Structures are given as C-alpha cells and as structure tokens.
Amino acid sequence: MSTSNNTTREHVHHVEDTDDLSSLDDKAPLWIYVNKMEKLAGGGSWRFECKFCKIKFSGSYSRVATHLLKDGTKGIRECLKLRPPRAVPLPSSSKKAFSSSLDYDTNYSAPNASESDPKKRKGTNTPLGKAFNNEAREQCDGEIARMFYTSGLSFNVARNPHYRNSYVRASNIPGYVPPGYNALRTGLLQKERKNIEMHLQPLKNSWIQKGVSICSDGWSDPHRRPIFNLIAANESGPMMLRAINSQGEVKTGEMIAKLIIECIKEVGHENVVQVVTDNAANCVKAGSLISAKYPTIFRTPCVVHTLNLALRNICSPLLTTRNNEDVYGACIWIKSLSEDVTWIKNFIMNHGMRLVKFTEHCDLKLLTIASTRFASTVVMFKRFKKIKTGLQQMVISPKWDDYKEDDVGKASAVKQKILDERFWDELEYVLSFTLPIYGVIRAADTDKPSLHLVYEWWESMIQNVKKAIFRRERKQLIMKNLSFGML
C-alpha cells in the first residue's frame, strides 16, 4: 500500500513538473514568429505554421528555433524566406564606397573635391595607386579597424609591438591563415608557457648561487578582488611566483604563513635568505611562524611601507597612537592643510562649471589619489604646487565670481584659501622637509635591491629636517618681532 502511494505521488509530481516546463516553453521568445494551430500530446509540442514561409510543422520549441535560426540539425527544414545578415561594405576612397547593398536609394551622393576637379583627382584608380596596390591596402586597413570596433578592443593594442610584428610576418607567408579560437586557448597557450619557463630557467639557476628573497604584498585587481602576490627577487631580477585570489578568506598570520611556506618549498628553503612583508600585525605573525619553521630564514619589513607609515604619521597624526603626543602637537597643522587641499580638489571636481574653468587655466589635471598609494598626501601637495599659478588665475577671473549657480559661499571660501599666501607657504614647507623621505620611497619602490642606501638617505634626511625646523623657527621669530614693532 505504501509503495503504491509513493508511486502515485511520484507520478503526480512528474506531471506537475512537465506542466511547469510546458508553460515556460510556451513563453519562449521565438513562438511569436509562428502561428500555433493545435496542441499535441506529449509536453510542449505543437502543430505550428511559420509566419514567413507559411509552411506547417509539428514539434517543440527546439524545432521552431532550428527552423528560424537555420541550424539544420533537428530534422526540420530551415526557413528560406529569412534573409541572411548582409555584410556592411568596407570604407573606400573609390566610387564603389557610395554603392550599398541596403534597400533604400543611395544613387545621390555629394560630389567630392576629386570628382569636381580632375586636376586634384587622387585615389586608388591612378596608375601609381594601382602600382602600389593601394586599394587592397585600404581594404586590409578597414578589416583590421573593424576587428577593433566590433570586438571592443582597446586602441592601445595597436601600440603592442607584437601587433605590428604579427602582420609583418603574415605578409611574408603566402596563404597564411591566423590561428582560430581553439588553437589560441589550448596548443599555442601551452607552447608560450613552456617558452617563458625556458627563458626563466637562468633566473632560477641564480637562486642557488646568490640566494633569493620572497616578497609578499596584498593588492586589489580592477574587479576589487583581493590579490595576494608572491615574488622571488635577487640581484638578477624579480620573478612572479603566484597571484592568489584571497576573496572570502580571513587574512590571518597562519593563512599568510601557509602561502609563503608553499613558495619557499617551491624555491627551496636552502636558497631563501629572507621574507619581505609589510608591517601589519598578521604579516609580523606570519614572519614569526616562518622563522620558527626555518631558522635560517628571517623576516625583513618592507622599507617602502615603513617609510610610508612614517610619512603618514607626519601628514595625518593620530592622538590615539601610543607615545604620539609630541608628534601630534607638532604635525596636527599638516593634517589641517591636507584637509584643505582635499576640500579644494573635491569642490572643483564635483562642480562641472568650476571644473571647466579649471581646465581653461591649468594644463595639468587634479589627481584623484587612492589612500593606499605610497606618499599620497605629498603627491597631492606636489601637484598643487605645480598648478598654483593656474589656480590663482582661475579664482581671480571674473567668470569665477559671475557664476552664481553652484555653492557661491564655498566658491568664495575656495578663492580666499587659494589667494592666501600663508596656505602656500605651509605647503612649500611640508614639501621641503618631507622631500628626503619621498626621495627614499621613490628610489626604493623598484625591483632593485636598495636597502644598503637607506642609511645614507637617513643621515641626509635628519640634516634637512633640522635645517627646515631652523628656517621655520627663524621665520616665526621674524614675524613675531615685526608684529611687536607694529604695535
């Protein structure tokens, strides 16, 4: 009895599923191009008539699609009334370019200079043009250009040296046909990978003789996915080992240590001298775990990241940081200056007409710098210094005050700030004493070893900072004496 009930329920459930599929199939888009005549037993089958060729068929939606889309693999004749898509002629400088395969009349065309004046006639029909086969060249250029347009390729592809070299090689091979879809994604891809690995082998051999450092860094790709990069580097050059998508994973010290240890095993722990990471707590813990497993490998903090943290602490000091009261008191005005610069930049960028006035007076653009970029505040200050004259010309222009549509009060405040010489003096002062740190970051943010130069730069930085502080204190003393004399 129980078995009979289960069989009945399964049968009813199967019938319900069939009805659901049939109702969904009836709403498929190609049904509107046929006339349904009679519902047939067995799912979504119909007796239907094509609206174009008026021929009657029987079958499901797949046969309708085959008949209209001309697949020809489902045992049903394709529709002969549907015209195939017509190719658009390629552009040409000859008179054939005015002819068209479209249905509307194109007999009239505006005369061009070459047709109206025989003396100025130039094109592919001249003897010189025929000698150099200019018409074929023009058609080939049109095909290549259309490949870019129809595939959405970036025009920067044309700057790739392999782009031009491929066509030069193809022109010397009669009857050459470029590789297809499957060849590019299978055989040729594997061949290129083996070729790259062969050329990287001398670099790998240098690891045994000179040692190697494993460098790690976290970044984000254009789709905002967190990528964890692992690079092997020595004086012979860097080599990317892995780029791992860590989306959905918690970046703990154990997780980072596991990824780095896998690369150490790939390189050979006897060849690894050090592991270079940034100063985040999880990276410090990962370095400790790696040193515990391999006592001969030690962790080195990244020089660029360390100096960037120091520069960030100067430009954006936090009172909550331990033992940071003195730094906060001495550098809080730099944070206020950075906020003013960001406020001016955002006001111009967020108001269309103000941005138009800015482009009229400044050749350089306002930078939108990510907070993760090294020395982002200093980079913004340097750009403001370069466009100082343009900004001042912009705000003293009558057009700046005549425009009354967007935040007139803020526009007036921006004008006052840009014309304030104290604002520019403070900006110049910050650039003067942060220049040594910025120079170290620029020089060390490369693929070459630069740790041995840090000590020389450190001595130079201390001297420059002392000089900058002395000049500032002297200037303040002079201003104080002048104010006292005026009183």
Protein backbone atom coordinates (compact mmCIF):
# COMPACT_ATOMS: atom_id res chain seq x y z
CA MET A 1 0.00 0.00 0.00
CA SER A 2 2.82 2.34 0.89
CA THR A 3 4.66 1.57 -2.33
CA SER A 4 1.55 2.31 -4.36
CA ASN A 5 1.09 5.69 -2.68
CA ASN A 6 4.73 6.64 -3.29
CA THR A 7 4.42 5.71 -6.97
CA THR A 8 1.25 7.81 -7.28
CA ARG A 9 2.91 10.82 -5.64
CA GLU A 10 5.96 10.48 -7.94
CA HIS A 11 3.67 10.33 -10.98
CA VAL A 12 1.71 13.42 -9.90
CA HIS A 13 4.98 15.27 -9.16
CA HIS A 14 6.30 14.34 -12.63
CA VAL A 15 3.11 15.62 -14.28
CA GLU A 16 3.35 18.92 -12.37
CA ASP A 17 6.98 19.36 -13.45
CA THR A 18 6.02 18.66 -17.07
CA ASP A 19 3.25 21.26 -16.93
CA ASP A 20 5.66 23.83 -15.47
CA LEU A 21 8.21 23.16 -18.20
CA SER A 22 5.48 23.36 -20.84
CA SER A 23 4.26 26.71 -19.56
CA LEU A 24 7.79 28.04 -19.52
CA ASP A 25 8.42 26.68 -23.00
CA ASP A 26 5.29 28.40 -24.34
CA LYS A 27 6.71 31.78 -23.24
CA ALA A 28 9.96 31.32 -25.18
CA PRO A 29 10.74 34.31 -27.46
CA LEU A 30 10.63 32.59 -30.89
CA TRP A 31 6.99 31.44 -30.54
CA ILE A 32 5.83 34.89 -31.67
CA TYR A 33 7.19 34.20 -35.18
CA VAL A 34 4.94 31.15 -35.74
CA ASN A 35 1.18 30.53 -35.56
CA LYS A 36 0.21 27.83 -33.08
CA MET A 37 -2.51 25.68 -34.68
CA GLU A 38 -3.02 22.65 -32.44
CA LYS A 39 -1.67 21.44 -29.11
CA LEU A 40 -0.20 17.94 -29.41
CA ALA A 41 0.09 15.34 -26.70
CA GLY A 42 3.46 14.93 -25.07
CA GLY A 43 4.81 18.01 -23.33
CA GLY A 44 5.33 21.25 -25.25
CA SER A 45 4.76 20.02 -28.80
CA TRP A 46 2.52 21.98 -31.17
CA ARG A 47 1.41 21.93 -34.75
CA PHE A 48 2.54 25.33 -36.00
CA GLU A 49 2.85 27.43 -39.13
CA CYS A 50 5.81 29.68 -39.91
CA LYS A 51 4.73 33.30 -40.41
CA PHE A 52 7.40 33.84 -43.05
CA CYS A 53 7.33 30.79 -45.36
CA LYS A 54 3.75 29.63 -44.44
CA ILE A 55 4.88 26.00 -44.11
CA LYS A 56 3.32 23.84 -41.38
CA PHE A 57 5.39 21.73 -38.98
CA SER A 58 4.91 19.75 -35.79
CA GLY A 59 7.27 19.77 -32.83
CA SER A 60 8.52 21.53 -29.76
CA TYR A 61 10.27 24.86 -29.31
CA SER A 62 13.64 23.42 -30.30
CA ARG A 63 12.29 22.68 -33.79
CA VAL A 64 10.97 26.25 -34.04
CA ALA A 65 14.42 27.56 -33.16
CA THR A 66 16.05 25.27 -35.71
CA HIS A 67 13.66 26.32 -38.47
CA LEU A 68 14.10 30.06 -37.85
CA LEU A 69 17.76 30.16 -36.88
CA LYS A 70 18.87 27.80 -39.66
CA ASP A 71 20.69 25.28 -37.55
CA GLY A 72 19.64 22.30 -39.68
CA THR A 73 20.44 19.62 -37.09
CA LYS A 74 16.97 18.77 -35.75
CA GLY A 75 15.40 17.16 -38.81
CA ILE A 76 13.42 20.22 -39.90
CA ARG A 77 13.86 22.39 -42.97
CA GLU A 78 15.20 25.90 -42.45
CA CYS A 79 13.16 28.93 -43.41
CA LEU A 80 14.11 30.20 -46.87
CA LYS A 81 12.25 33.49 -46.51
CA LEU A 82 14.50 34.83 -43.82
CA ARG A 83 17.29 36.79 -45.43
CA PRO A 84 20.81 36.29 -44.06
CA PRO A 85 22.50 39.30 -42.44
CA ARG A 86 24.16 41.49 -45.03
CA ALA A 87 27.75 42.50 -44.64
CA VAL A 88 28.42 46.22 -44.44
CA PRO A 89 30.92 47.23 -47.16
CA LEU A 90 34.29 48.37 -46.00
CA PRO A 91 35.10 52.08 -46.38
CA SER A 92 36.92 53.00 -49.56
CA SER A 93 38.06 56.18 -51.29
CA SER A 94 36.89 54.85 -54.66
CA LYS A 95 33.41 55.38 -56.13
CA LYS A 96 32.43 51.89 -55.01
CA ALA A 97 32.17 53.22 -51.50
CA PHE A 98 28.95 55.05 -52.47
CA SER A 99 27.20 51.85 -53.53
CA SER A 100 25.32 49.92 -50.89
CA SER A 101 23.54 46.61 -50.52
CA LEU A 102 20.78 48.16 -48.42
CA ASP A 103 17.22 48.51 -49.67
CA TYR A 104 16.96 52.32 -49.69
CA ASP A 105 18.07 54.52 -52.56
CA THR A 106 21.67 55.67 -52.49
CA ASN A 107 22.01 56.97 -56.03
CA TYR A 108 22.69 60.53 -54.91
CA SER A 109 25.94 61.39 -53.25
CA ALA A 110 27.59 64.70 -52.63
CA PRO A 111 30.44 65.34 -55.06
CA ASN A 112 33.86 65.46 -53.50
CA ALA A 113 36.86 67.52 -54.47
CA SER A 114 38.47 64.78 -56.53
CA GLU A 115 35.35 64.35 -58.72
CA SER A 116 34.76 68.09 -59.26
CA ASP A 117 38.33 68.93 -60.17
CA PRO A 118 40.16 66.40 -62.40
CA LYS A 119 43.49 68.06 -61.63
CA LYS A 120 43.10 67.17 -57.91
CA ARG A 121 41.96 63.60 -58.56
CA LYS A 122 43.80 61.25 -56.25
CA GLY A 123 42.90 57.75 -55.17
CA THR A 124 43.38 54.08 -55.79
CA ASN A 125 42.48 54.21 -59.52
CA THR A 126 45.56 56.21 -60.52
CA PRO A 127 48.47 54.34 -62.14
CA LEU A 128 50.64 55.00 -59.09
CA GLY A 129 47.89 53.73 -56.79
CA LYS A 130 47.50 50.55 -58.84
CA ALA A 131 51.25 50.00 -58.82
CA PHE A 132 51.37 50.07 -55.04
CA ASN A 133 48.07 48.16 -54.73
CA ASN A 134 46.59 50.94 -52.61
CA GLU A 135 43.03 49.64 -52.86
CA ALA A 136 43.96 46.28 -51.35
CA ARG A 137 45.89 48.05 -48.61
CA GLU A 138 42.90 50.25 -47.87
CA GLN A 139 40.58 47.24 -47.64
CA CYS A 140 43.02 45.45 -45.33
CA ASP A 141 43.19 48.51 -43.06
CA GLY A 142 39.38 48.56 -42.97
CA GLU A 143 39.20 44.90 -41.92
CA ILE A 144 41.71 45.43 -39.11
CA ALA A 145 39.92 48.56 -37.90
CA ARG A 146 36.56 46.77 -37.94
CA MET A 147 38.06 43.94 -35.89
CA PHE A 148 38.90 46.50 -33.18
CA TYR A 149 35.46 48.16 -33.34
CA THR A 150 33.31 45.01 -33.35
CA SER A 151 35.32 43.25 -30.62
CA GLY A 152 35.56 46.26 -28.30
CA LEU A 153 39.37 46.11 -28.29
CA SER A 154 41.30 48.96 -26.75
CA PHE A 155 43.17 51.14 -29.22
CA ASN A 156 46.25 50.64 -27.02
CA VAL A 157 46.50 47.15 -28.52
CA ALA A 158 47.85 48.84 -31.66
CA ARG A 159 50.83 50.05 -29.58
CA ASN A 160 51.76 46.50 -28.68
CA PRO A 161 54.92 45.64 -30.67
CA HIS A 162 53.62 42.12 -31.29
CA TYR A 163 50.60 43.62 -33.07
CA ARG A 164 52.69 45.09 -35.89
CA ASN A 165 55.22 42.23 -35.95
CA SER A 166 52.47 39.66 -36.44
CA TYR A 167 51.18 41.42 -39.57
CA VAL A 168 54.70 41.90 -40.96
CA ARG A 169 55.38 38.18 -40.59
CA ALA A 170 52.00 37.23 -42.05
CA SER A 171 52.60 39.40 -45.13
CA ASN A 172 55.70 37.33 -45.98
CA ILE A 173 53.84 33.98 -45.84
CA PRO A 174 51.59 33.39 -48.88
CA GLY A 175 48.19 31.97 -47.99
CA TYR A 176 48.69 32.34 -44.23
CA VAL A 177 45.55 31.94 -42.09
CA PRO A 178 45.68 33.18 -38.47
CA PRO A 179 45.04 30.69 -35.64
CA GLY A 180 41.48 30.12 -34.50
CA TYR A 181 39.73 30.15 -31.15
CA ASN A 182 40.69 26.65 -30.00
CA ALA A 183 44.32 26.97 -31.10
CA LEU A 184 44.78 30.19 -29.12
CA ARG A 185 43.36 28.79 -25.90
CA THR A 186 44.99 25.34 -25.98
CA GLY A 187 48.09 24.45 -28.00
CA LEU A 188 49.53 27.94 -28.54
CA LEU A 189 48.94 28.91 -24.90
CA GLN A 190 50.76 25.82 -23.63
CA LYS A 191 53.59 26.41 -26.08
CA GLU A 192 54.00 30.01 -24.93
CA ARG A 193 54.05 28.94 -21.29
CA LYS A 194 56.82 26.42 -21.94
CA ASN A 195 58.76 29.08 -23.80
CA ILE A 196 58.50 31.54 -20.89
CA GLU A 197 59.56 28.87 -18.40
CA MET A 198 62.58 28.05 -20.55
CA HIS A 199 63.69 31.70 -20.60
CA LEU A 200 63.16 31.99 -16.82
CA GLN A 201 65.36 28.99 -16.07
CA PRO A 202 68.64 31.02 -15.94
CA LEU A 203 66.99 33.27 -13.34
CA LYS A 204 66.01 30.22 -11.29
CA ASN A 205 69.57 28.88 -11.51
CA SER A 206 70.85 32.12 -9.97
CA TRP A 207 68.85 31.41 -6.82
CA ILE A 208 71.25 28.62 -5.89
CA GLN A 209 74.34 30.79 -6.28
CA LYS A 210 73.14 34.18 -4.99
CA GLY A 211 70.17 33.34 -2.78
CA VAL A 212 66.69 34.79 -3.11
CA SER A 213 64.17 36.87 -1.16
CA ILE A 214 60.44 36.03 -1.05
CA CYS A 215 58.43 39.27 -1.22
CA SER A 216 54.71 39.35 -0.45
CA ASP A 217 52.15 42.08 -0.99
CA GLY A 218 48.38 42.40 -0.98
CA TRP A 219 46.57 44.33 -3.69
CA SER A 220 43.21 44.61 -5.47
CA ASP A 221 42.52 43.90 -9.14
CA PRO A 222 40.19 46.02 -11.34
CA HIS A 223 37.23 43.94 -10.08
CA ARG A 224 38.08 44.81 -6.45
CA ARG A 225 39.13 41.25 -5.64
CA PRO A 226 41.90 40.98 -3.01
CA ILE A 227 45.02 39.54 -4.61
CA PHE A 228 47.97 38.20 -2.62
CA ASN A 229 51.19 38.43 -4.66
CA LEU A 230 54.32 36.38 -4.03
CA ILE A 231 57.54 37.35 -5.82
CA ALA A 232 61.04 35.88 -5.76
CA ALA A 233 63.74 38.54 -6.16
CA ASN A 234 67.51 38.80 -6.12
CA GLU A 235 70.09 40.93 -7.93
CA SER A 236 69.42 39.03 -11.18
CA GLY A 237 65.82 40.25 -11.23
CA PRO A 238 62.33 39.57 -9.86
CA MET A 239 60.02 36.73 -10.84
CA MET A 240 56.33 36.38 -10.05
CA LEU A 241 55.63 33.10 -8.29
CA ARG A 242 51.92 33.28 -7.57
CA ALA A 243 48.98 35.68 -7.56
CA ILE A 244 46.32 34.24 -5.25
CA ASN A 245 42.72 35.40 -5.08
CA SER A 246 42.03 35.57 -1.34
CA GLN A 247 38.41 36.69 -1.66
CA GLY A 248 36.25 35.30 1.13
CA GLU A 249 39.24 34.29 3.31
CA VAL A 250 40.37 35.88 6.56
CA LYS A 251 43.97 37.04 6.16
CA THR A 252 45.33 35.67 9.42
CA GLY A 253 49.00 35.16 10.17
CA GLU A 254 48.60 31.41 9.76
CA MET A 255 46.98 31.80 6.33
CA ILE A 256 49.75 34.14 5.08
CA ALA A 257 52.47 31.89 6.52
CA LYS A 258 50.97 28.86 4.75
CA LEU A 259 51.02 30.61 1.36
CA ILE A 260 54.61 31.83 1.81
CA ILE A 261 55.81 28.40 3.01
CA GLU A 262 54.40 26.81 -0.14
CA CYS A 263 56.53 29.18 -2.23
CA ILE A 264 59.56 28.52 -0.02
CA LYS A 265 59.21 24.81 -0.72
CA GLU A 266 58.91 25.56 -4.45
CA VAL A 267 62.07 27.68 -4.46
CA GLY A 268 63.93 25.55 -1.94
CA HIS A 269 64.32 26.65 1.67
CA GLU A 270 68.11 26.40 1.42
CA ASN A 271 68.05 29.12 -1.27
CA VAL A 272 65.79 31.57 0.61
CA VAL A 273 67.58 34.25 2.63
CA GLN A 274 64.67 36.36 3.88
CA VAL A 275 60.94 37.00 3.63
CA VAL A 276 59.92 40.62 2.98
CA THR A 277 56.45 41.74 4.14
CA ASP A 278 54.81 44.92 5.33
CA ASN A 279 54.38 45.85 8.98
CA ALA A 280 50.80 44.69 9.53
CA ALA A 281 50.25 42.54 12.63
CA ASN A 282 49.23 39.47 10.63
CA CYS A 283 52.38 39.74 8.46
CA VAL A 284 54.58 40.06 11.57
CA LYS A 285 52.99 36.92 12.98
CA ALA A 286 53.45 35.10 9.65
CA GLY A 287 57.15 36.04 9.72
CA SER A 288 57.49 34.58 13.23
CA LEU A 289 55.86 31.31 12.16
CA ILE A 290 58.14 31.03 9.13
CA SER A 291 61.28 31.73 11.22
CA ALA A 292 60.20 29.08 13.71
CA LYS A 293 59.87 26.50 10.91
CA TYR A 294 63.01 27.60 9.05
CA PRO A 295 65.57 29.13 11.49
CA THR A 296 67.86 30.22 8.63
CA ILE A 297 65.13 32.45 7.10
CA PHE A 298 64.37 35.77 8.77
CA ARG A 299 61.68 38.37 8.15
CA THR A 300 62.55 41.87 6.93
CA PRO A 301 59.97 44.69 6.97
CA CYS A 302 59.43 46.46 3.65
CA VAL A 303 61.46 49.68 3.51
CA VAL A 304 58.91 51.50 1.35
CA HIS A 305 55.99 50.51 3.57
CA THR A 306 57.90 51.51 6.71
CA LEU A 307 58.75 54.95 5.34
CA ASN A 308 55.20 55.39 4.08
CA LEU A 309 53.87 54.73 7.59
CA ALA A 310 56.28 57.33 8.95
CA LEU A 311 55.17 59.84 6.31
CA ARG A 312 51.52 59.08 7.04
CA ASN A 313 52.11 59.64 10.76
CA ILE A 314 53.57 63.07 9.91
CA CYS A 315 50.81 64.12 7.49
CA SER A 316 47.90 62.58 9.41
CA PRO A 317 48.95 62.18 13.07
CA LEU A 318 46.67 60.36 15.48
CA LEU A 319 46.50 61.22 19.16
CA THR A 320 45.31 57.70 19.99
CA THR A 321 48.64 56.19 18.90
CA ARG A 322 50.87 55.23 21.81
CA ASN A 323 53.64 57.73 22.67
CA ASN A 324 52.46 60.02 19.88
CA GLU A 325 51.64 63.19 21.85
CA ASP A 326 54.73 65.10 20.73
CA VAL A 327 54.25 64.18 17.06
CA TYR A 328 50.58 65.06 17.23
CA GLY A 329 51.26 68.50 18.67
CA ALA A 330 53.96 69.29 16.11
CA CYS A 331 52.17 67.95 13.00
CA ILE A 332 48.45 68.49 13.54
CA TRP A 333 48.59 71.61 11.33
CA ILE A 334 49.77 69.41 8.40
CA LYS A 335 46.62 67.33 8.75
CA SER A 336 44.54 70.52 8.59
CA LEU A 337 46.48 71.61 5.49
CA SER A 338 45.85 68.22 3.85
CA GLU A 339 42.13 68.53 4.57
CA ASP A 340 42.08 71.99 2.94
CA VAL A 341 43.81 70.69 -0.18
CA THR A 342 41.38 67.76 -0.44
CA TRP A 343 38.42 70.11 0.09
CA ILE A 344 39.55 72.43 -2.73
CA LYS A 345 40.13 69.49 -5.05
CA ASN A 346 36.72 67.94 -4.33
CA PHE A 347 34.91 71.26 -4.79
CA ILE A 348 36.40 71.75 -8.25
CA MET A 349 35.92 68.12 -9.31
CA ASN A 350 32.29 67.90 -8.11
CA HIS A 351 31.07 71.06 -9.88
CA GLY A 352 31.04 70.86 -13.65
CA MET A 353 31.32 74.56 -14.47
CA ARG A 354 34.10 75.06 -11.91
CA LEU A 355 35.97 72.17 -13.49
CA VAL A 356 35.59 73.77 -16.92
CA LYS A 357 37.13 76.99 -15.59
CA PHE A 358 39.95 74.97 -14.05
CA THR A 359 40.79 73.26 -17.36
CA GLU A 360 40.90 76.68 -19.05
CA HIS A 361 43.71 77.87 -16.77
CA CYS A 362 45.60 74.68 -15.89
CA ASP A 363 47.29 72.27 -18.27
CA LEU A 364 47.64 69.54 -15.63
CA LYS A 365 44.73 67.64 -14.12
CA LEU A 366 43.74 67.36 -10.50
CA LEU A 367 44.82 63.97 -9.21
CA THR A 368 42.41 61.55 -7.57
CA ILE A 369 44.86 59.54 -5.48
CA ALA A 370 43.91 56.33 -3.71
CA SER A 371 44.65 56.29 0.00
CA THR A 372 46.62 53.05 -0.47
CA ARG A 373 49.19 54.75 -2.70
CA PHE A 374 52.53 55.50 -1.13
CA ALA A 375 53.00 59.15 -0.08
CA SER A 376 49.54 60.08 -1.34
CA THR A 377 49.42 63.35 0.63
CA VAL A 378 52.83 64.51 -0.62
CA VAL A 379 51.90 63.62 -4.21
CA MET A 380 48.79 65.81 -3.90
CA PHE A 381 50.84 68.66 -2.43
CA LYS A 382 53.34 68.44 -5.29
CA ARG A 383 50.55 68.64 -7.86
CA PHE A 384 49.04 71.72 -6.15
CA LYS A 385 52.45 73.39 -6.21
CA LYS A 386 52.71 72.85 -9.98
CA ILE A 387 49.25 74.30 -10.68
CA LYS A 388 49.48 77.19 -8.19
CA THR A 389 49.58 79.88 -10.87
CA GLY A 390 46.65 78.36 -12.76
CA LEU A 391 44.52 78.08 -9.62
CA GLN A 392 45.14 81.69 -8.71
CA GLN A 393 44.34 82.87 -12.25
CA MET A 394 41.15 80.82 -12.12
CA VAL A 395 39.76 82.36 -8.93
CA ILE A 396 40.68 85.97 -9.82
CA SER A 397 38.98 85.59 -13.19
CA PRO A 398 35.62 87.46 -13.41
CA LYS A 399 33.96 84.23 -14.52
CA TRP A 400 34.59 82.67 -11.11
CA ASP A 401 32.54 85.33 -9.27
CA ASP A 402 29.97 85.81 -12.04
CA TYR A 403 28.83 82.18 -11.88
CA LYS A 404 26.15 82.05 -9.17
CA GLU A 405 24.71 78.54 -9.61
CA ASP A 406 26.92 76.24 -7.51
CA ASP A 407 27.65 76.92 -3.81
CA VAL A 408 28.57 80.60 -4.02
CA GLY A 409 29.65 80.63 -0.38
CA LYS A 410 32.01 77.69 -0.82
CA ALA A 411 33.35 79.18 -4.05
CA SER A 412 34.22 82.37 -2.17
CA ALA A 413 35.93 80.36 0.57
CA VAL A 414 37.95 78.43 -2.04
CA LYS A 415 39.03 81.70 -3.63
CA GLN A 416 40.11 83.09 -0.29
CA LYS A 417 42.11 79.97 0.55
CA ILE A 418 43.87 79.81 -2.84
CA LEU A 419 44.87 83.50 -2.61
CA ASP A 420 46.15 83.08 0.94
CA GLU A 421 49.97 83.17 0.80
CA ARG A 422 50.24 81.51 4.20
CA PHE A 423 48.48 78.46 2.72
CA TRP A 424 51.14 78.17 0.02
CA ASP A 425 53.99 78.84 2.45
CA GLU A 426 52.86 75.95 4.64
CA LEU A 427 52.55 73.69 1.60
CA GLU A 428 56.07 74.59 0.47
CA TYR A 429 57.38 73.97 3.98
CA VAL A 430 55.86 70.48 4.16
CA LEU A 431 57.36 69.58 0.78
CA SER A 432 60.77 70.85 1.84
CA PHE A 433 61.22 68.67 4.94
CA THR A 434 59.43 65.59 3.55
CA LEU A 435 61.50 65.60 0.36
CA PRO A 436 64.17 63.19 1.72
CA ILE A 437 61.53 60.64 2.80
CA TYR A 438 59.71 60.99 -0.51
CA GLY A 439 63.00 60.55 -2.37
CA VAL A 440 63.74 57.33 -0.49
CA ILE A 441 60.27 55.97 -1.27
CA ARG A 442 60.65 56.79 -4.99
CA ALA A 443 64.11 55.21 -5.16
CA ALA A 444 63.27 52.11 -3.09
CA ASP A 445 59.96 51.34 -4.78
CA THR A 446 61.72 49.43 -7.59
CA ASP A 447 62.80 45.89 -8.39
CA LYS A 448 66.44 46.58 -7.47
CA PRO A 449 67.97 46.00 -4.01
CA SER A 450 68.17 49.35 -2.22
CA LEU A 451 68.39 48.57 1.49
CA HIS A 452 72.09 49.49 1.61
CA LEU A 453 71.24 53.07 0.57
CA VAL A 454 68.76 53.71 3.38
CA TYR A 455 71.43 54.65 5.93
CA GLU A 456 72.92 57.33 3.67
CA TRP A 457 69.47 58.78 2.98
CA TRP A 458 68.65 58.67 6.69
CA GLU A 459 71.59 60.91 7.54
CA SER A 460 70.64 63.32 4.75
CA MET A 461 67.02 63.38 5.92
CA ILE A 462 67.96 64.26 9.50
CA GLN A 463 70.10 67.16 8.32
CA ASN A 464 67.37 68.50 6.02
CA VAL A 465 64.73 68.26 8.76
CA LYS A 466 66.97 70.16 11.17
CA LYS A 467 67.53 72.88 8.56
CA ALA A 468 63.79 73.12 7.81
CA ILE A 469 62.92 73.41 11.51
CA PHE A 470 65.56 76.12 11.96
CA ARG A 471 64.23 78.11 8.98
CA ARG A 472 60.64 77.84 10.26
CA GLU A 473 61.57 78.93 13.80
CA ARG A 474 63.60 81.82 12.40
CA LYS A 475 60.69 82.93 10.19
CA GLN A 476 58.27 82.77 13.12
CA LEU A 477 60.66 84.84 15.23
CA ILE A 478 60.95 87.48 12.49
CA MET A 479 57.15 87.66 12.11
CA LYS A 480 56.78 87.98 15.88
CA ASN A 481 59.28 90.87 16.03
CA LEU A 482 57.56 92.62 13.13
CA SER A 483 54.20 92.31 14.85
CA PHE A 484 55.68 93.66 18.09
CA GLY A 485 57.25 96.62 16.20
CA MET A 486 53.93 97.46 14.57
CA LEU A 487 52.25 97.52 17.95
